[in-house]
Amino acid sequence: MIAIDSQNTHHHWADYTSVASDYKIYPNYAQWLIKALGEIVPHSSRKLVADIGAGTGKLTDMLGELGASGFAIEPNDAMRVEGEALTSQKGYNFAWLKGTAEDTGLDSAVVDWVCMGSSLHWTDTSQALTEARRILKPGGSLSILWDLRDNDRDPTLRAIEAVIQEIKPNIRRAPTIVRTLMQNLDDVLKHHGFVDCIRLEAAHCHDYTPTDYVRAWRMVRDLAAQTTSKEYETIMGRISTLVAGNANIPMYMRTYCFTSRLAP
């Protein structure tokens, strides 16, 4: 489990206010993994869900496609506005509320399923899992997801990471923190009263024009938070040069999901 001190150092990376309206350009979770998740979680289409750290509604939207309804908890006002507009447009029944993973504002034992998409690493892990346990009904399910850039399959991503390290040596990266957290997440979940953890993993890819590829990279907030304006724009310029002249640029991604249930 990541020490709380380590987590606190990167909480300021999580401010997506300036990119909320454009965040839809960033890749979503692997579609078939979410469909598989709907089969694993019993009666998911009839469950009351709390999507915690819902952002602009990427995961909330996919849960709505499964037939789920419930609550979308998001602390950032700009992100929450985008998410509420998306699910309202789709006709999904989610109440959007301002709250955090550590303090959702929901009643105890009120939901059947808690989902956290790309949000657990921004939290105090212990407090967030304790809150998830509190708001779940007995026997309820917890799903924790991330969608990470798949550098192993993607030479362009590897080249970009080399550029980042060249311009900002020893920069801390959010994916590294996530991968560290995932290493023993099964044990962390068990320690907080969740059992029978199932891991799902799915590789997927999103194609971009060169212009949109750079726009997608501007959604990566750990870069903006740790670089000067000049360093950041230099990185963006180098990315633009790397992908220039290509009709389509693939961004290879990998979705990870840990699903467990509340112990009896």
C-alpha atoms as a PDB file:
ATOM      1  CA  MET A   1       0.000   0.000   0.000  1.00  0.00           C
ATOM      2  CA  ILE A   2       1.333   3.456  -0.870  1.00  0.00           C
ATOM      3  CA  ALA A   3       2.226   5.462   2.175  1.00  0.00           C
ATOM      4  CA  ILE A   4      -0.076   8.388   2.743  1.00  0.00           C
ATOM      5  CA  ASP A   5       2.892  10.804   2.685  1.00  0.00           C
ATOM      6  CA  SER A   6       3.747   9.598  -0.824  1.00  0.00           C
ATOM      7  CA  GLN A   7       0.214  10.141  -1.994  1.00  0.00           C
ATOM      8  CA  ASN A   8      -0.113  13.621  -0.565  1.00  0.00           C
ATOM      9  CA  THR A   9       2.797  14.846  -2.679  1.00  0.00           C
ATOM     10  CA  HIS A  10       0.825  14.394  -5.895  1.00  0.00           C
ATOM     11  CA  HIS A  11      -2.716  15.370  -4.892  1.00  0.00           C
ATOM     12  CA  HIS A  12      -2.275  18.748  -6.630  1.00  0.00           C
ATOM     13  CA  TRP A  13      -1.780  16.901  -9.928  1.00  0.00           C
ATOM     14  CA  ALA A  14      -5.465  16.011  -9.875  1.00  0.00           C
ATOM     15  CA  ASP A  15      -6.795  19.464 -10.804  1.00  0.00           C
ATOM     16  CA  TYR A  16      -8.449  19.003 -14.202  1.00  0.00           C
ATOM     17  CA  THR A  17     -10.406  22.269 -14.164  1.00  0.00           C
ATOM     18  CA  SER A  18      -8.630  23.788 -17.160  1.00  0.00           C
ATOM     19  CA  VAL A  19      -9.146  20.716 -19.370  1.00  0.00           C
ATOM     20  CA  ALA A  20     -12.599  19.549 -18.230  1.00  0.00           C
ATOM     21  CA  SER A  21     -14.417  20.644 -21.389  1.00  0.00           C
ATOM     22  CA  ASP A  22     -11.873  18.859 -23.596  1.00  0.00           C
ATOM     23  CA  TYR A  23     -11.301  15.754 -21.501  1.00  0.00           C
ATOM     24  CA  LYS A  24     -13.626  13.658 -23.677  1.00  0.00           C
ATOM     25  CA  ILE A  25     -10.800  13.452 -26.215  1.00  0.00           C
ATOM     26  CA  TYR A  26      -8.778  11.196 -23.921  1.00  0.00           C
ATOM     27  CA  PRO A  27      -9.257   7.416 -24.413  1.00  0.00           C
ATOM     28  CA  ASN A  28     -11.961   5.668 -22.426  1.00  0.00           C
ATOM     29  CA  TYR A  29     -11.827   2.277 -20.718  1.00  0.00           C
ATOM     30  CA  ALA A  30     -11.840  -0.867 -22.848  1.00  0.00           C
ATOM     31  CA  GLN A  31     -15.462  -1.442 -23.852  1.00  0.00           C
ATOM     32  CA  TRP A  32     -15.397  -5.230 -23.660  1.00  0.00           C
ATOM     33  CA  LEU A  33     -13.845  -5.174 -20.182  1.00  0.00           C
ATOM     34  CA  ILE A  34     -16.745  -3.068 -18.887  1.00  0.00           C
ATOM     35  CA  LYS A  35     -19.185  -5.475 -20.532  1.00  0.00           C
ATOM     36  CA  ALA A  36     -17.375  -8.382 -18.873  1.00  0.00           C
ATOM     37  CA  LEU A  37     -17.544  -6.527 -15.561  1.00  0.00           C
ATOM     38  CA  GLY A  38     -21.301  -6.330 -15.987  1.00  0.00           C
ATOM     39  CA  GLU A  39     -21.370 -10.131 -16.130  1.00  0.00           C
ATOM     40  CA  ILE A  40     -19.132 -10.560 -13.077  1.00  0.00           C
ATOM     41  CA  VAL A  41     -21.018  -8.207 -10.767  1.00  0.00           C
ATOM     42  CA  PRO A  42     -24.352  -9.957 -10.048  1.00  0.00           C
ATOM     43  CA  HIS A  43     -27.414  -8.207 -11.481  1.00  0.00           C
ATOM     44  CA  SER A  44     -25.349  -5.129 -12.321  1.00  0.00           C
ATOM     45  CA  SER A  45     -28.136  -3.677 -14.470  1.00  0.00           C
ATOM     46  CA  ARG A  46     -30.404  -3.463 -11.414  1.00  0.00           C
ATOM     47  CA  LYS A  47     -27.815  -2.284  -8.937  1.00  0.00           C
ATOM     48  CA  LEU A  48     -27.563   1.132  -7.334  1.00  0.00           C
ATOM     49  CA  VAL A  49     -24.036   2.328  -8.057  1.00  0.00           C
ATOM     50  CA  ALA A  50     -21.761   4.995  -6.619  1.00  0.00           C
ATOM     51  CA  ASP A  51     -19.166   6.091  -9.170  1.00  0.00           C
ATOM     52  CA  ILE A  52     -16.587   7.834  -6.987  1.00  0.00           C
ATOM     53  CA  GLY A  53     -14.241  10.314  -8.612  1.00  0.00           C
ATOM     54  CA  ALA A  54     -16.556  10.293 -11.618  1.00  0.00           C
ATOM     55  CA  GLY A  55     -14.781  13.129 -13.429  1.00  0.00           C
ATOM     56  CA  THR A  56     -16.475  13.991 -16.722  1.00  0.00           C
ATOM     57  CA  GLY A  57     -18.506  10.795 -16.647  1.00  0.00           C
ATOM     58  CA  LYS A  58     -16.419   8.454 -18.785  1.00  0.00           C
ATOM     59  CA  LEU A  59     -17.021   5.427 -16.552  1.00  0.00           C
ATOM     60  CA  THR A  60     -20.454   6.666 -15.445  1.00  0.00           C
ATOM     61  CA  ASP A  61     -21.536   6.668 -19.077  1.00  0.00           C
ATOM     62  CA  MET A  62     -20.382   3.064 -19.528  1.00  0.00           C
ATOM     63  CA  LEU A  63     -22.156   2.010 -16.332  1.00  0.00           C
ATOM     64  CA  GLY A  64     -25.295   3.623 -17.686  1.00  0.00           C
ATOM     65  CA  GLU A  65     -24.922   1.512 -20.825  1.00  0.00           C
ATOM     66  CA  LEU A  66     -24.996  -1.544 -18.551  1.00  0.00           C
ATOM     67  CA  GLY A  67     -28.334  -0.355 -17.197  1.00  0.00           C
ATOM     68  CA  ALA A  68     -26.994   0.764 -13.825  1.00  0.00           C
ATOM     69  CA  SER A  69     -28.085   3.944 -12.037  1.00  0.00           C
ATOM     70  CA  GLY A  70     -27.213   5.744  -8.829  1.00  0.00           C
ATOM     71  CA  PHE A  71     -24.722   8.430  -7.779  1.00  0.00           C
ATOM     72  CA  ALA A  72     -21.729  10.096  -9.415  1.00  0.00           C
ATOM     73  CA  ILE A  73     -19.428  11.685  -6.832  1.00  0.00           C
ATOM     74  CA  GLU A  74     -16.937  14.283  -8.086  1.00  0.00           C
ATOM     75  CA  PRO A  75     -15.178  17.100  -6.172  1.00  0.00           C
ATOM     76  CA  ASN A  76     -14.198  19.194  -9.208  1.00  0.00           C
ATOM     77  CA  ASP A  77     -16.990  21.560 -10.260  1.00  0.00           C
ATOM     78  CA  ALA A  78     -15.938  21.849 -13.908  1.00  0.00           C
ATOM     79  CA  MET A  79     -15.595  18.085 -14.347  1.00  0.00           C
ATOM     80  CA  ARG A  80     -18.915  17.461 -12.604  1.00  0.00           C
ATOM     81  CA  VAL A  81     -20.740  19.867 -14.928  1.00  0.00           C
ATOM     82  CA  GLU A  82     -19.401  18.007 -17.964  1.00  0.00           C
ATOM     83  CA  GLY A  83     -20.320  14.620 -16.521  1.00  0.00           C
ATOM     84  CA  GLU A  84     -23.822  15.630 -15.538  1.00  0.00           C
ATOM     85  CA  ALA A  85     -24.452  17.015 -19.033  1.00  0.00           C
ATOM     86  CA  LEU A  86     -23.231  13.774 -20.614  1.00  0.00           C
ATOM     87  CA  THR A  87     -25.356  11.384 -18.562  1.00  0.00           C
ATOM     88  CA  SER A  88     -28.382  13.657 -18.789  1.00  0.00           C
ATOM     89  CA  GLN A  89     -28.062  13.734 -22.567  1.00  0.00           C
ATOM     90  CA  LYS A  90     -27.902   9.927 -22.615  1.00  0.00           C
ATOM     91  CA  GLY A  91     -30.943   9.662 -20.338  1.00  0.00           C
ATOM     92  CA  TYR A  92     -29.074   7.796 -17.586  1.00  0.00           C
ATOM     93  CA  ASN A  93     -30.318   8.072 -14.030  1.00  0.00           C
ATOM     94  CA  PHE A  94     -27.363   9.326 -12.005  1.00  0.00           C
ATOM     95  CA  ALA A  95     -27.466  12.010  -9.319  1.00  0.00           C
ATOM     96  CA  TRP A  96     -24.273  14.078  -9.540  1.00  0.00           C
ATOM     97  CA  LEU A  97     -23.008  15.170  -6.121  1.00  0.00           C
ATOM     98  CA  LYS A  98     -20.006  17.106  -4.904  1.00  0.00           C
ATOM     99  CA  GLY A  99     -17.905  14.906  -2.651  1.00  0.00           C
ATOM    100  CA  THR A 100     -14.653  13.018  -2.308  1.00  0.00           C
ATOM    101  CA  ALA A 101     -13.671   9.383  -2.044  1.00  0.00           C
ATOM    102  CA  GLU A 102     -12.923   9.936   1.629  1.00  0.00           C
ATOM    103  CA  ASP A 103     -16.247  11.731   2.271  1.00  0.00           C
ATOM    104  CA  THR A 104     -18.914  10.937  -0.319  1.00  0.00           C
ATOM    105  CA  GLY A 105     -21.782  12.467   1.635  1.00  0.00           C
ATOM    106  CA  LEU A 106     -23.885   9.338   1.031  1.00  0.00           C
ATOM    107  CA  ASP A 107     -25.788   7.464   3.726  1.00  0.00           C
ATOM    108  CA  SER A 108     -24.407   4.227   5.130  1.00  0.00           C
ATOM    109  CA  ALA A 109     -25.286   0.931   3.393  1.00  0.00           C
ATOM    110  CA  VAL A 110     -27.031   2.736   0.529  1.00  0.00           C
ATOM    111  CA  VAL A 111     -25.472   1.287  -2.669  1.00  0.00           C
ATOM    112  CA  ASP A 112     -24.894  -2.176  -4.089  1.00  0.00           C
ATOM    113  CA  TRP A 113     -21.774  -1.348  -6.084  1.00  0.00           C
ATOM    114  CA  VAL A 114     -18.966   1.172  -5.676  1.00  0.00           C
ATOM    115  CA  CYS A 115     -16.794   1.993  -8.703  1.00  0.00           C
ATOM    116  CA  MET A 116     -13.630   4.061  -8.712  1.00  0.00           C
ATOM    117  CA  GLY A 117     -12.300   4.792 -12.176  1.00  0.00           C
ATOM    118  CA  SER A 118      -8.761   6.219 -12.283  1.00  0.00           C
ATOM    119  CA  SER A 119      -9.294   7.878  -8.915  1.00  0.00           C
ATOM    120  CA  LEU A 120      -8.006   5.712  -6.048  1.00  0.00           C
ATOM    121  CA  HIS A 121      -4.417   6.913  -6.478  1.00  0.00           C
ATOM    122  CA  TRP A 122      -5.540  10.522  -5.929  1.00  0.00           C
ATOM    123  CA  THR A 123      -6.958   9.616  -2.515  1.00  0.00           C
ATOM    124  CA  ASP A 124      -5.930   8.594   0.947  1.00  0.00           C
ATOM    125  CA  THR A 125      -6.287   4.886   0.123  1.00  0.00           C
ATOM    126  CA  SER A 126      -7.232   3.741   3.607  1.00  0.00           C
ATOM    127  CA  GLN A 127      -9.859   6.446   4.125  1.00  0.00           C
ATOM    128  CA  ALA A 128     -11.309   5.909   0.631  1.00  0.00           C
ATOM    129  CA  LEU A 129     -11.696   2.158   1.103  1.00  0.00           C
ATOM    130  CA  THR A 130     -13.169   2.664   4.566  1.00  0.00           C
ATOM    131  CA  GLU A 131     -15.732   5.043   3.055  1.00  0.00           C
ATOM    132  CA  ALA A 132     -16.517   2.549   0.272  1.00  0.00           C
ATOM    133  CA  ARG A 133     -17.141  -0.119   2.886  1.00  0.00           C
ATOM    134  CA  ARG A 134     -19.415   2.230   4.832  1.00  0.00           C
ATOM    135  CA  ILE A 135     -21.707   3.122   1.934  1.00  0.00           C
ATOM    136  CA  LEU A 136     -21.990  -0.439   0.559  1.00  0.00           C
ATOM    137  CA  LYS A 137     -24.864  -2.711   1.439  1.00  0.00           C
ATOM    138  CA  PRO A 138     -23.901  -6.113   2.927  1.00  0.00           C
ATOM    139  CA  GLY A 139     -22.346  -8.273   0.223  1.00  0.00           C
ATOM    140  CA  GLY A 140     -21.912  -5.284  -2.090  1.00  0.00           C
ATOM    141  CA  SER A 141     -19.230  -5.092  -4.782  1.00  0.00           C
ATOM    142  CA  LEU A 142     -16.264  -2.757  -5.270  1.00  0.00           C
ATOM    143  CA  SER A 143     -14.566  -2.208  -8.640  1.00  0.00           C
ATOM    144  CA  ILE A 144     -11.349  -0.196  -8.968  1.00  0.00           C
ATOM    145  CA  LEU A 145     -10.202   0.632 -12.491  1.00  0.00           C
ATOM    146  CA  TRP A 146      -7.354   2.354 -14.284  1.00  0.00           C
ATOM    147  CA  ASP A 147      -6.656   2.937 -17.959  1.00  0.00           C
ATOM    148  CA  LEU A 148      -2.920   3.363 -18.519  1.00  0.00           C
ATOM    149  CA  ARG A 149      -0.891   4.186 -21.578  1.00  0.00           C
ATOM    150  CA  ASP A 150       0.703   0.934 -22.745  1.00  0.00           C
ATOM    151  CA  ASN A 151       4.316   1.922 -23.372  1.00  0.00           C
ATOM    152  CA  ASP A 152       5.386  -1.699 -23.913  1.00  0.00           C
ATOM    153  CA  ARG A 153       3.275  -1.923 -27.081  1.00  0.00           C
ATOM    154  CA  ASP A 154       3.687   1.647 -28.290  1.00  0.00           C
ATOM    155  CA  PRO A 155       7.012   2.985 -29.640  1.00  0.00           C
ATOM    156  CA  THR A 156       5.589   6.510 -29.923  1.00  0.00           C
ATOM    157  CA  LEU A 157       4.748   6.537 -26.215  1.00  0.00           C
ATOM    158  CA  ARG A 158       8.251   5.318 -25.386  1.00  0.00           C
ATOM    159  CA  ALA A 159       9.750   8.105 -27.490  1.00  0.00           C
ATOM    160  CA  ILE A 160       7.562  10.670 -25.730  1.00  0.00           C
ATOM    161  CA  GLU A 161       8.577   9.415 -22.296  1.00  0.00           C
ATOM    162  CA  ALA A 162      12.224   9.790 -23.359  1.00  0.00           C
ATOM    163  CA  VAL A 163      11.524  13.389 -24.356  1.00  0.00           C
ATOM    164  CA  ILE A 164       9.850  14.066 -21.005  1.00  0.00           C
ATOM    165  CA  GLN A 165      12.821  12.668 -19.082  1.00  0.00           C
ATOM    166  CA  GLU A 166      15.218  14.682 -21.230  1.00  0.00           C
ATOM    167  CA  ILE A 167      13.426  17.947 -20.545  1.00  0.00           C
ATOM    168  CA  LYS A 168      12.425  17.211 -16.931  1.00  0.00           C
ATOM    169  CA  PRO A 169      14.787  14.569 -15.473  1.00  0.00           C
ATOM    170  CA  ASN A 170      13.475  12.600 -12.489  1.00  0.00           C
ATOM    171  CA  ILE A 171       9.910  13.856 -12.949  1.00  0.00           C
ATOM    172  CA  ARG A 172       7.425  11.732 -10.995  1.00  0.00           C
ATOM    173  CA  ARG A 173       4.763  10.073 -13.113  1.00  0.00           C
ATOM    174  CA  ALA A 174       1.210   9.217 -12.055  1.00  0.00           C
ATOM    175  CA  PRO A 175       1.274   5.841 -13.919  1.00  0.00           C
ATOM    176  CA  THR A 176       4.254   4.780 -11.810  1.00  0.00           C
ATOM    177  CA  ILE A 177       2.295   5.532  -8.641  1.00  0.00           C
ATOM    178  CA  VAL A 178      -0.683   3.584  -9.994  1.00  0.00           C
ATOM    179  CA  ARG A 179       1.442   0.554 -10.894  1.00  0.00           C
ATOM    180  CA  THR A 180       2.965   0.563  -7.412  1.00  0.00           C
ATOM    181  CA  LEU A 181      -0.503   0.681  -5.873  1.00  0.00           C
ATOM    182  CA  MET A 182      -1.713  -2.169  -8.079  1.00  0.00           C
ATOM    183  CA  GLN A 183       1.120  -4.496  -7.021  1.00  0.00           C
ATOM    184  CA  ASN A 184      -0.495  -5.477  -3.733  1.00  0.00           C
ATOM    185  CA  LEU A 185      -3.985  -4.068  -4.102  1.00  0.00           C
ATOM    186  CA  ASP A 186      -5.509  -7.512  -3.438  1.00  0.00           C
ATOM    187  CA  ASP A 187      -3.964  -7.502   0.030  1.00  0.00           C
ATOM    188  CA  VAL A 188      -4.937  -3.883   0.662  1.00  0.00           C
ATOM    189  CA  LEU A 189      -8.548  -4.691  -0.226  1.00  0.00           C
ATOM    190  CA  LYS A 190      -8.551  -7.718   2.054  1.00  0.00           C
ATOM    191  CA  HIS A 191      -7.168  -5.612   4.900  1.00  0.00           C
ATOM    192  CA  HIS A 192     -10.153  -3.266   4.478  1.00  0.00           C
ATOM    193  CA  GLY A 193     -12.776  -5.997   4.491  1.00  0.00           C
ATOM    194  CA  PHE A 194     -13.057  -6.873   0.787  1.00  0.00           C
ATOM    195  CA  VAL A 195     -12.610 -10.468  -0.392  1.00  0.00           C
ATOM    196  CA  ASP A 196     -12.573 -12.650  -3.535  1.00  0.00           C
ATOM    197  CA  CYS A 197     -10.735 -10.125  -5.687  1.00  0.00           C
ATOM    198  CA  ILE A 198     -10.959 -10.749  -9.440  1.00  0.00           C
ATOM    199  CA  ARG A 199      -8.519  -9.014 -11.798  1.00  0.00           C
ATOM    200  CA  LEU A 200      -9.433  -8.091 -15.353  1.00  0.00           C
ATOM    201  CA  GLU A 201      -7.088  -6.633 -17.950  1.00  0.00           C
ATOM    202  CA  ALA A 202      -7.766  -5.529 -21.526  1.00  0.00           C
ATOM    203  CA  ALA A 203      -5.524  -4.024 -24.194  1.00  0.00           C
ATOM    204  CA  HIS A 204      -7.110  -1.497 -26.535  1.00  0.00           C
ATOM    205  CA  CYS A 205      -6.151   1.313 -28.885  1.00  0.00           C
ATOM    206  CA  HIS A 206      -7.471   4.738 -29.875  1.00  0.00           C
ATOM    207  CA  ASP A 207      -6.545   6.361 -33.202  1.00  0.00           C
ATOM    208  CA  TYR A 208      -5.962  10.112 -33.480  1.00  0.00           C
ATOM    209  CA  THR A 209      -5.095  12.727 -36.020  1.00  0.00           C
ATOM    210  CA  PRO A 210      -1.755  14.383 -35.143  1.00  0.00           C
ATOM    211  CA  THR A 211      -3.552  17.480 -33.825  1.00  0.00           C
ATOM    212  CA  ASP A 212      -5.897  15.483 -31.609  1.00  0.00           C
ATOM    213  CA  TYR A 213      -3.055  13.289 -30.389  1.00  0.00           C
ATOM    214  CA  VAL A 214      -1.345  16.357 -28.930  1.00  0.00           C
ATOM    215  CA  ARG A 215      -4.687  17.517 -27.498  1.00  0.00           C
ATOM    216  CA  ALA A 216      -5.017  14.135 -25.782  1.00  0.00           C
ATOM    217  CA  TRP A 217      -1.577  14.542 -24.240  1.00  0.00           C
ATOM    218  CA  ARG A 218      -2.635  17.904 -22.817  1.00  0.00           C
ATOM    219  CA  MET A 219      -5.045  15.947 -20.608  1.00  0.00           C
ATOM    220  CA  VAL A 220      -2.048  14.379 -18.816  1.00  0.00           C
ATOM    221  CA  ARG A 221      -1.975  16.617 -15.765  1.00  0.00           C
ATOM    222  CA  ASP A 222       1.075  15.282 -13.930  1.00  0.00           C
ATOM    223  CA  LEU A 223       3.162  16.948 -16.646  1.00  0.00           C
ATOM    224  CA  ALA A 224       1.510  20.353 -16.362  1.00  0.00           C
ATOM    225  CA  ALA A 225       1.737  20.260 -12.560  1.00  0.00           C
ATOM    226  CA  GLN A 226       5.489  19.557 -12.450  1.00  0.00           C
ATOM    227  CA  THR A 227       6.890  21.650 -15.297  1.00  0.00           C
ATOM    228  CA  THR A 228       7.290  25.317 -16.043  1.00  0.00           C
ATOM    229  CA  SER A 229       5.188  26.775 -18.831  1.00  0.00           C
ATOM    230  CA  LYS A 230       8.241  26.781 -21.093  1.00  0.00           C
ATOM    231  CA  GLU A 231       9.117  23.160 -20.295  1.00  0.00           C
ATOM    232  CA  TYR A 232       5.522  22.050 -20.809  1.00  0.00           C
ATOM    233  CA  GLU A 233       5.138  23.750 -24.168  1.00  0.00           C
ATOM    234  CA  THR A 234       8.516  22.372 -25.260  1.00  0.00           C
ATOM    235  CA  ILE A 235       7.271  18.862 -24.469  1.00  0.00           C
ATOM    236  CA  MET A 236       4.044  19.468 -26.385  1.00  0.00           C
ATOM    237  CA  GLY A 237       6.024  20.835 -29.325  1.00  0.00           C
ATOM    238  CA  ARG A 238       8.296  17.793 -29.384  1.00  0.00           C
ATOM    239  CA  ILE A 239       5.253  15.484 -29.295  1.00  0.00           C
ATOM    240  CA  SER A 240       3.765  17.410 -32.228  1.00  0.00           C
ATOM    241  CA  THR A 241       7.010  16.960 -34.176  1.00  0.00           C
ATOM    242  CA  LEU A 242       7.108  13.228 -33.416  1.00  0.00           C
ATOM    243  CA  VAL A 243       3.651  12.597 -34.864  1.00  0.00           C
ATOM    244  CA  ALA A 244       3.640  15.138 -37.695  1.00  0.00           C
ATOM    245  CA  GLY A 245       3.011  13.808 -41.170  1.00  0.00           C
ATOM    246  CA  ASN A 246       1.017  10.773 -40.088  1.00  0.00           C
ATOM    247  CA  ALA A 247      -2.629  10.394 -41.038  1.00  0.00           C
ATOM    248  CA  ASN A 248      -3.486   8.363 -37.930  1.00  0.00           C
ATOM    249  CA  ILE A 249      -1.581   8.019 -34.679  1.00  0.00           C
ATOM    250  CA  PRO A 250      -2.539   5.077 -32.451  1.00  0.00           C
ATOM    251  CA  MET A 251      -2.397   5.465 -28.687  1.00  0.00           C
ATOM    252  CA  TYR A 252      -2.133   2.023 -27.130  1.00  0.00           C
ATOM    253  CA  MET A 253      -3.866   1.675 -23.770  1.00  0.00           C
ATOM    254  CA  ARG A 254      -4.490  -1.044 -21.200  1.00  0.00           C
ATOM    255  CA  THR A 255      -7.451  -1.134 -18.816  1.00  0.00           C
ATOM    256  CA  TYR A 256      -7.009  -2.784 -15.413  1.00  0.00           C
ATOM    257  CA  CYS A 257      -9.841  -3.663 -13.062  1.00  0.00           C
ATOM    258  CA  PHE A 258      -9.906  -5.106  -9.529  1.00  0.00           C
ATOM    259  CA  THR A 259     -13.348  -6.256  -8.400  1.00  0.00           C
ATOM    260  CA  SER A 260     -14.072  -7.637  -4.958  1.00  0.00           C
ATOM    261  CA  ARG A 261     -17.013  -7.929  -2.603  1.00  0.00           C
ATOM    262  CA  LEU A 262     -17.678  -6.863   0.953  1.00  0.00           C
ATOM    263  CA  ALA A 263     -16.836  -9.699   3.313  1.00  0.00           C
ATOM    264  CA  PRO A 264     -19.787 -11.197   5.220  1.00  0.00           C
END
